[in-house]
Amino acid sequence: MRQGQTNLRENDQVEVIAGKDKGRVGKILSIDRRNNRAVVERINMIKKHQKPVDAQQPGQIIDREASIHISNLMFVCPECANTVRTGKRILEDGTKVRSCKSCGATLEISKK
């Protein structure tokens, strides 16, 4: 996969298809297109050790999401509720949309 090439967007529901969280579903919080990685809600949790900033705030251990490679994620279609591949279609008015390869549903209208 070339750098930055993906059909996934923020707020998409995705399922993890490989790794320790295989089978879990979550929403994409952010995408790093340069490194082909995404941060998914409650997936690939890590513990971050934070030093105290000043005397009033103690040091702590924070649970947070780490990024996961986008090749390990698959889009979940809201219409047919399956993990599917997505394609692109051009509507009659010239707008480009993503579509489900399984059921053919239009996912959303993108800005041209």
N, C-alpha and C. Protein backbone atom coordinates (compact mmCIF):
# COMPACT_ATOMS: atom_id res chain seq x y z
N MET A 1 0.85 -1.17 0.00
CA MET A 1 0.00 0.00 0.00
C MET A 1 0.90 1.23 0.00
N ARG A 2 0.60 2.15 -0.89
CA ARG A 2 1.39 3.37 -0.97
C ARG A 2 1.11 4.26 0.23
N GLN A 3 2.03 5.16 0.45
CA GLN A 3 1.91 6.08 1.57
C GLN A 3 0.68 6.95 1.43
N GLY A 4 -0.17 6.96 2.46
CA GLY A 4 -1.33 7.84 2.49
C GLY A 4 -2.54 7.34 1.72
N GLN A 5 -2.47 6.16 1.13
CA GLN A 5 -3.59 5.68 0.32
C GLN A 5 -4.47 4.75 1.15
N THR A 6 -5.66 5.22 1.48
CA THR A 6 -6.62 4.42 2.21
C THR A 6 -8.01 4.96 1.99
N ASN A 7 -9.00 4.09 2.07
CA ASN A 7 -10.38 4.52 1.97
C ASN A 7 -11.00 4.75 3.33
N LEU A 8 -10.24 4.56 4.39
CA LEU A 8 -10.75 4.76 5.74
C LEU A 8 -10.71 6.24 6.10
N ARG A 9 -11.68 6.68 6.89
CA ARG A 9 -11.78 8.06 7.33
C ARG A 9 -11.97 8.07 8.86
N GLU A 10 -11.81 9.24 9.45
CA GLU A 10 -12.10 9.39 10.87
C GLU A 10 -13.59 9.14 11.10
N ASN A 11 -13.94 8.62 12.25
CA ASN A 11 -15.30 8.28 12.69
C ASN A 11 -15.88 7.07 11.96
N ASP A 12 -15.10 6.34 11.17
CA ASP A 12 -15.56 5.09 10.55
C ASP A 12 -15.54 3.97 11.59
N GLN A 13 -16.53 3.08 11.54
CA GLN A 13 -16.52 1.87 12.36
C GLN A 13 -15.63 0.85 11.65
N VAL A 14 -14.65 0.30 12.34
CA VAL A 14 -13.76 -0.68 11.76
C VAL A 14 -13.64 -1.88 12.69
N GLU A 15 -13.26 -3.02 12.11
CA GLU A 15 -12.99 -4.23 12.88
C GLU A 15 -11.53 -4.58 12.70
N VAL A 16 -10.88 -5.02 13.77
CA VAL A 16 -9.49 -5.44 13.71
C VAL A 16 -9.46 -6.86 13.16
N ILE A 17 -8.68 -7.09 12.10
CA ILE A 17 -8.64 -8.41 11.46
C ILE A 17 -7.36 -9.17 11.75
N ALA A 18 -6.41 -8.54 12.46
CA ALA A 18 -5.16 -9.23 12.81
C ALA A 18 -4.59 -8.60 14.08
N GLY A 19 -3.88 -9.40 14.86
CA GLY A 19 -3.23 -8.90 16.06
C GLY A 19 -3.94 -9.33 17.32
N LYS A 20 -3.49 -8.75 18.43
CA LYS A 20 -4.00 -9.16 19.74
C LYS A 20 -5.47 -8.78 19.96
N ASP A 21 -5.96 -7.77 19.26
CA ASP A 21 -7.35 -7.32 19.40
C ASP A 21 -8.23 -7.81 18.26
N LYS A 22 -7.85 -8.90 17.61
CA LYS A 22 -8.60 -9.42 16.46
C LYS A 22 -10.06 -9.66 16.81
N GLY A 23 -10.97 -9.16 15.94
CA GLY A 23 -12.40 -9.35 16.15
C GLY A 23 -13.08 -8.21 16.87
N ARG A 24 -12.32 -7.29 17.46
CA ARG A 24 -12.93 -6.17 18.18
C ARG A 24 -13.28 -5.05 17.22
N VAL A 25 -14.34 -4.31 17.53
CA VAL A 25 -14.84 -3.24 16.68
C VAL A 25 -14.71 -1.92 17.42
N GLY A 26 -14.32 -0.86 16.70
CA GLY A 26 -14.21 0.45 17.30
C GLY A 26 -14.28 1.54 16.25
N LYS A 27 -14.28 2.78 16.72
CA LYS A 27 -14.37 3.95 15.85
C LYS A 27 -12.98 4.55 15.69
N ILE A 28 -12.63 4.97 14.47
CA ILE A 28 -11.33 5.58 14.21
C ILE A 28 -11.33 6.99 14.80
N LEU A 29 -10.34 7.26 15.66
CA LEU A 29 -10.21 8.58 16.27
C LEU A 29 -9.32 9.50 15.43
N SER A 30 -8.23 8.95 14.88
CA SER A 30 -7.34 9.75 14.04
C SER A 30 -6.57 8.83 13.11
N ILE A 31 -6.10 9.39 12.00
CA ILE A 31 -5.33 8.63 11.01
C ILE A 31 -4.04 9.37 10.72
N ASP A 32 -2.93 8.63 10.72
CA ASP A 32 -1.62 9.15 10.31
C ASP A 32 -1.35 8.60 8.92
N ARG A 33 -1.66 9.39 7.89
CA ARG A 33 -1.54 8.91 6.51
C ARG A 33 -0.08 8.73 6.09
N ARG A 34 0.83 9.46 6.70
CA ARG A 34 2.25 9.32 6.35
C ARG A 34 2.79 7.93 6.71
N ASN A 35 2.36 7.41 7.86
CA ASN A 35 2.86 6.12 8.33
C ASN A 35 1.83 4.99 8.17
N ASN A 36 0.67 5.27 7.55
CA ASN A 36 -0.39 4.29 7.34
C ASN A 36 -0.85 3.65 8.65
N ARG A 37 -1.08 4.49 9.65
CA ARG A 37 -1.52 4.00 10.95
C ARG A 37 -2.75 4.77 11.40
N ALA A 38 -3.54 4.13 12.26
CA ALA A 38 -4.76 4.76 12.77
C ALA A 38 -4.89 4.47 14.26
N VAL A 39 -5.50 5.40 14.97
CA VAL A 39 -5.82 5.22 16.39
C VAL A 39 -7.31 4.90 16.46
N VAL A 40 -7.62 3.73 17.04
CA VAL A 40 -9.00 3.26 17.12
C VAL A 40 -9.42 3.25 18.59
N GLU A 41 -10.66 3.67 18.82
CA GLU A 41 -11.19 3.80 20.18
C GLU A 41 -11.17 2.45 20.90
N ARG A 42 -10.52 2.42 22.08
CA ARG A 42 -10.43 1.25 22.98
C ARG A 42 -9.77 0.03 22.34
N ILE A 43 -8.91 0.24 21.33
CA ILE A 43 -8.18 -0.84 20.68
C ILE A 43 -6.68 -0.57 20.87
N ASN A 44 -5.90 -1.63 21.10
CA ASN A 44 -4.44 -1.54 21.25
C ASN A 44 -4.06 -0.62 22.40
N MET A 45 -4.66 -0.88 23.56
CA MET A 45 -4.42 -0.05 24.74
C MET A 45 -3.02 -0.28 25.30
N ILE A 46 -2.35 0.81 25.70
CA ILE A 46 -1.03 0.75 26.31
C ILE A 46 -1.06 1.53 27.62
N LYS A 47 -0.05 1.32 28.45
CA LYS A 47 0.08 2.06 29.69
C LYS A 47 1.20 3.08 29.50
N LYS A 48 0.87 4.35 29.73
CA LYS A 48 1.84 5.42 29.60
C LYS A 48 2.19 5.93 30.98
N HIS A 49 3.47 5.91 31.33
CA HIS A 49 3.94 6.39 32.62
C HIS A 49 4.23 7.88 32.51
N GLN A 50 3.54 8.68 33.32
CA GLN A 50 3.68 10.13 33.25
C GLN A 50 4.35 10.64 34.51
N LYS A 51 5.39 11.43 34.32
CA LYS A 51 6.10 12.01 35.45
C LYS A 51 5.27 13.14 36.05
N PRO A 52 5.50 13.47 37.33
CA PRO A 52 4.78 14.60 37.91
C PRO A 52 5.25 15.91 37.27
N VAL A 53 4.28 16.79 36.99
CA VAL A 53 4.60 18.08 36.37
C VAL A 53 5.09 19.06 37.44
N ASP A 54 4.41 19.06 38.58
CA ASP A 54 4.83 19.90 39.70
C ASP A 54 4.53 19.17 41.00
N ALA A 55 4.69 19.84 42.12
CA ALA A 55 4.52 19.19 43.42
C ALA A 55 3.07 18.80 43.69
N GLN A 56 2.11 19.53 43.12
CA GLN A 56 0.71 19.24 43.38
C GLN A 56 0.19 18.04 42.58
N GLN A 57 0.72 17.84 41.38
CA GLN A 57 0.22 16.73 40.55
C GLN A 57 1.19 15.55 40.66
N PRO A 58 0.71 14.41 41.16
CA PRO A 58 1.59 13.25 41.29
C PRO A 58 1.80 12.56 39.95
N GLY A 59 2.83 11.73 39.90
CA GLY A 59 3.02 10.91 38.72
C GLY A 59 1.92 9.87 38.63
N GLN A 60 1.64 9.40 37.42
CA GLN A 60 0.55 8.45 37.26
C GLN A 60 0.77 7.56 36.05
N ILE A 61 0.00 6.49 36.00
CA ILE A 61 0.02 5.58 34.86
C ILE A 61 -1.31 5.76 34.12
N ILE A 62 -1.22 6.12 32.84
CA ILE A 62 -2.41 6.42 32.05
C ILE A 62 -2.62 5.32 31.01
N ASP A 63 -3.86 4.83 30.89
CA ASP A 63 -4.21 3.92 29.82
C ASP A 63 -4.62 4.74 28.60
N ARG A 64 -4.01 4.47 27.45
CA ARG A 64 -4.37 5.20 26.24
C ARG A 64 -4.23 4.29 25.02
N GLU A 65 -4.83 4.72 23.91
CA GLU A 65 -4.79 3.94 22.68
C GLU A 65 -3.48 4.20 21.95
N ALA A 66 -2.89 3.14 21.41
CA ALA A 66 -1.73 3.26 20.53
C ALA A 66 -2.22 3.05 19.11
N SER A 67 -1.42 3.48 18.16
CA SER A 67 -1.83 3.35 16.76
C SER A 67 -1.69 1.90 16.30
N ILE A 68 -2.44 1.56 15.25
CA ILE A 68 -2.42 0.24 14.66
C ILE A 68 -2.33 0.43 13.15
N HIS A 69 -1.64 -0.46 12.48
CA HIS A 69 -1.48 -0.32 11.03
C HIS A 69 -2.83 -0.52 10.34
N ILE A 70 -3.11 0.30 9.31
CA ILE A 70 -4.43 0.27 8.68
C ILE A 70 -4.67 -1.00 7.89
N SER A 71 -3.61 -1.77 7.59
CA SER A 71 -3.82 -3.05 6.91
C SER A 71 -4.46 -4.07 7.84
N ASN A 72 -4.44 -3.81 9.14
CA ASN A 72 -5.06 -4.70 10.12
C ASN A 72 -6.49 -4.28 10.46
N LEU A 73 -7.03 -3.30 9.74
CA LEU A 73 -8.39 -2.81 9.98
C LEU A 73 -9.24 -3.04 8.75
N MET A 74 -10.53 -3.31 8.97
CA MET A 74 -11.47 -3.49 7.87
C MET A 74 -12.75 -2.73 8.19
N PHE A 75 -13.27 -2.03 7.20
CA PHE A 75 -14.45 -1.18 7.36
C PHE A 75 -15.68 -2.03 7.66
N VAL A 76 -16.54 -1.56 8.58
CA VAL A 76 -17.80 -2.21 8.90
C VAL A 76 -18.91 -1.38 8.26
N CYS A 77 -19.64 -1.98 7.31
CA CYS A 77 -20.72 -1.28 6.60
C CYS A 77 -21.90 -1.06 7.54
N PRO A 78 -22.41 0.17 7.65
CA PRO A 78 -23.56 0.40 8.52
C PRO A 78 -24.86 -0.20 7.99
N GLU A 79 -24.95 -0.45 6.68
CA GLU A 79 -26.16 -1.02 6.09
C GLU A 79 -26.24 -2.53 6.30
N CYS A 80 -25.18 -3.26 5.88
CA CYS A 80 -25.24 -4.72 5.96
C CYS A 80 -24.55 -5.28 7.20
N ALA A 81 -23.89 -4.44 8.00
CA ALA A 81 -23.25 -4.80 9.27
C ALA A 81 -22.18 -5.88 9.11
N ASN A 82 -21.54 -5.93 7.95
CA ASN A 82 -20.44 -6.86 7.70
C ASN A 82 -19.15 -6.09 7.49
N THR A 83 -18.02 -6.77 7.66
CA THR A 83 -16.75 -6.16 7.28
C THR A 83 -16.65 -6.27 5.77
N VAL A 84 -16.41 -5.15 5.11
CA VAL A 84 -16.44 -5.10 3.65
C VAL A 84 -15.29 -4.26 3.12
N ARG A 85 -15.03 -4.45 1.84
CA ARG A 85 -14.14 -3.55 1.13
C ARG A 85 -14.99 -2.40 0.60
N THR A 86 -14.35 -1.26 0.39
CA THR A 86 -15.08 -0.11 -0.12
C THR A 86 -14.55 0.24 -1.50
N GLY A 87 -15.43 0.82 -2.30
CA GLY A 87 -15.06 1.30 -3.62
C GLY A 87 -15.52 2.73 -3.77
N LYS A 88 -15.25 3.28 -4.94
CA LYS A 88 -15.68 4.65 -5.21
C LYS A 88 -16.59 4.66 -6.41
N ARG A 89 -17.63 5.49 -6.34
CA ARG A 89 -18.56 5.67 -7.45
C ARG A 89 -18.75 7.16 -7.68
N ILE A 90 -19.10 7.51 -8.90
CA ILE A 90 -19.43 8.89 -9.23
C ILE A 90 -20.92 8.94 -9.52
N LEU A 91 -21.62 9.79 -8.78
CA LEU A 91 -23.06 9.92 -8.96
C LEU A 91 -23.38 10.75 -10.20
N GLU A 92 -24.67 10.84 -10.55
CA GLU A 92 -25.09 11.56 -11.74
C GLU A 92 -24.73 13.04 -11.68
N ASP A 93 -24.76 13.62 -10.47
CA ASP A 93 -24.44 15.04 -10.36
C ASP A 93 -22.94 15.31 -10.29
N GLY A 94 -22.12 14.27 -10.40
CA GLY A 94 -20.67 14.43 -10.46
C GLY A 94 -19.95 14.32 -9.13
N THR A 95 -20.67 14.05 -8.03
CA THR A 95 -20.02 13.90 -6.74
C THR A 95 -19.47 12.49 -6.60
N LYS A 96 -18.31 12.39 -5.97
CA LYS A 96 -17.65 11.10 -5.76
C LYS A 96 -18.02 10.58 -4.38
N VAL A 97 -18.46 9.33 -4.29
CA VAL A 97 -18.88 8.75 -3.01
C VAL A 97 -18.19 7.40 -2.80
N ARG A 98 -18.06 7.03 -1.52
CA ARG A 98 -17.60 5.68 -1.20
C ARG A 98 -18.81 4.76 -1.20
N SER A 99 -18.60 3.52 -1.62
CA SER A 99 -19.70 2.57 -1.64
C SER A 99 -19.23 1.22 -1.12
N CYS A 100 -20.18 0.46 -0.58
CA CYS A 100 -19.92 -0.88 -0.06
C CYS A 100 -19.82 -1.85 -1.23
N LYS A 101 -18.76 -2.66 -1.26
CA LYS A 101 -18.60 -3.63 -2.34
C LYS A 101 -19.55 -4.81 -2.19
N SER A 102 -20.06 -5.03 -0.98
CA SER A 102 -20.93 -6.17 -0.74
C SER A 102 -22.39 -5.85 -1.09
N CYS A 103 -22.95 -4.81 -0.47
CA CYS A 103 -24.37 -4.50 -0.68
C CYS A 103 -24.59 -3.34 -1.64
N GLY A 104 -23.54 -2.61 -1.99
CA GLY A 104 -23.67 -1.50 -2.93
C GLY A 104 -24.19 -0.22 -2.33
N ALA A 105 -24.31 -0.14 -1.01
CA ALA A 105 -24.86 1.05 -0.36
C ALA A 105 -23.87 2.20 -0.46
N THR A 106 -24.40 3.40 -0.58
CA THR A 106 -23.58 4.61 -0.57
C THR A 106 -23.27 4.94 0.87
N LEU A 107 -21.98 5.13 1.18
CA LEU A 107 -21.58 5.32 2.57
C LEU A 107 -21.74 6.77 3.01
N GLU A 108 -21.25 7.72 2.21
CA GLU A 108 -21.47 9.15 2.49
C GLU A 108 -21.03 9.92 1.28
N ILE A 109 -21.46 11.15 1.21
CA ILE A 109 -21.09 11.99 0.09
C ILE A 109 -19.86 12.80 0.50
N SER A 110 -18.80 12.69 -0.29
CA SER A 110 -17.59 13.42 0.01
C SER A 110 -17.58 14.76 -0.71
N LYS A 111 -16.74 15.66 -0.22
CA LYS A 111 -16.61 16.97 -0.87
C LYS A 111 -15.74 16.81 -2.10
N LYS A 112 -16.19 17.33 -3.22
CA LYS A 112 -15.44 17.18 -4.46
C LYS A 112 -14.36 18.20 -4.61
